Amino acid sequence: EYLRARVAEIEQDNRILQARVEESKSAKIEDEFLLTELEAARTKAEEATSLKVLADEETRLLQTELESERNKIKNLNQELERIKSESNNESLLDALRKNEALAEEIETSKRMRDSLTE
């Protein structure tokens, strides 16, 4: 009777140990799965960091290019204003010359009139 009880106890212990082995296997598989997931997440985080660095660099390049284009526009506007100013100055000089020519013609006409009336 004692031996039967002892065999039953050993079989029970064996089943418990088998259950623990199965739990341990499941836990190991789950740990491996979690490690794989963690590594995948780490890889994605590294990719995201790399993409952010690239995006930041692209943004800096675009900002530099934009600033350069703004400076070009500013310079072109200044050149346009200078050309307008020169054009206005030339127009004013032309008008002044015409006025001087008209004043001379008027003066000549007055002298002719005065000489005729004498």
Foldseek 3Di string as FASTA:
>chain_A
DVVVVVVVVVVVVVVVVVVVVVVVVVVVVVVVVVVVVVVVVVVVVVVVVVVVVVVVVVVVVVVVVVVVVVVVVVVVVVVVVVVVVVVVVVVVVVVVVVVVVVVVVVVVVVVVVVVVVD
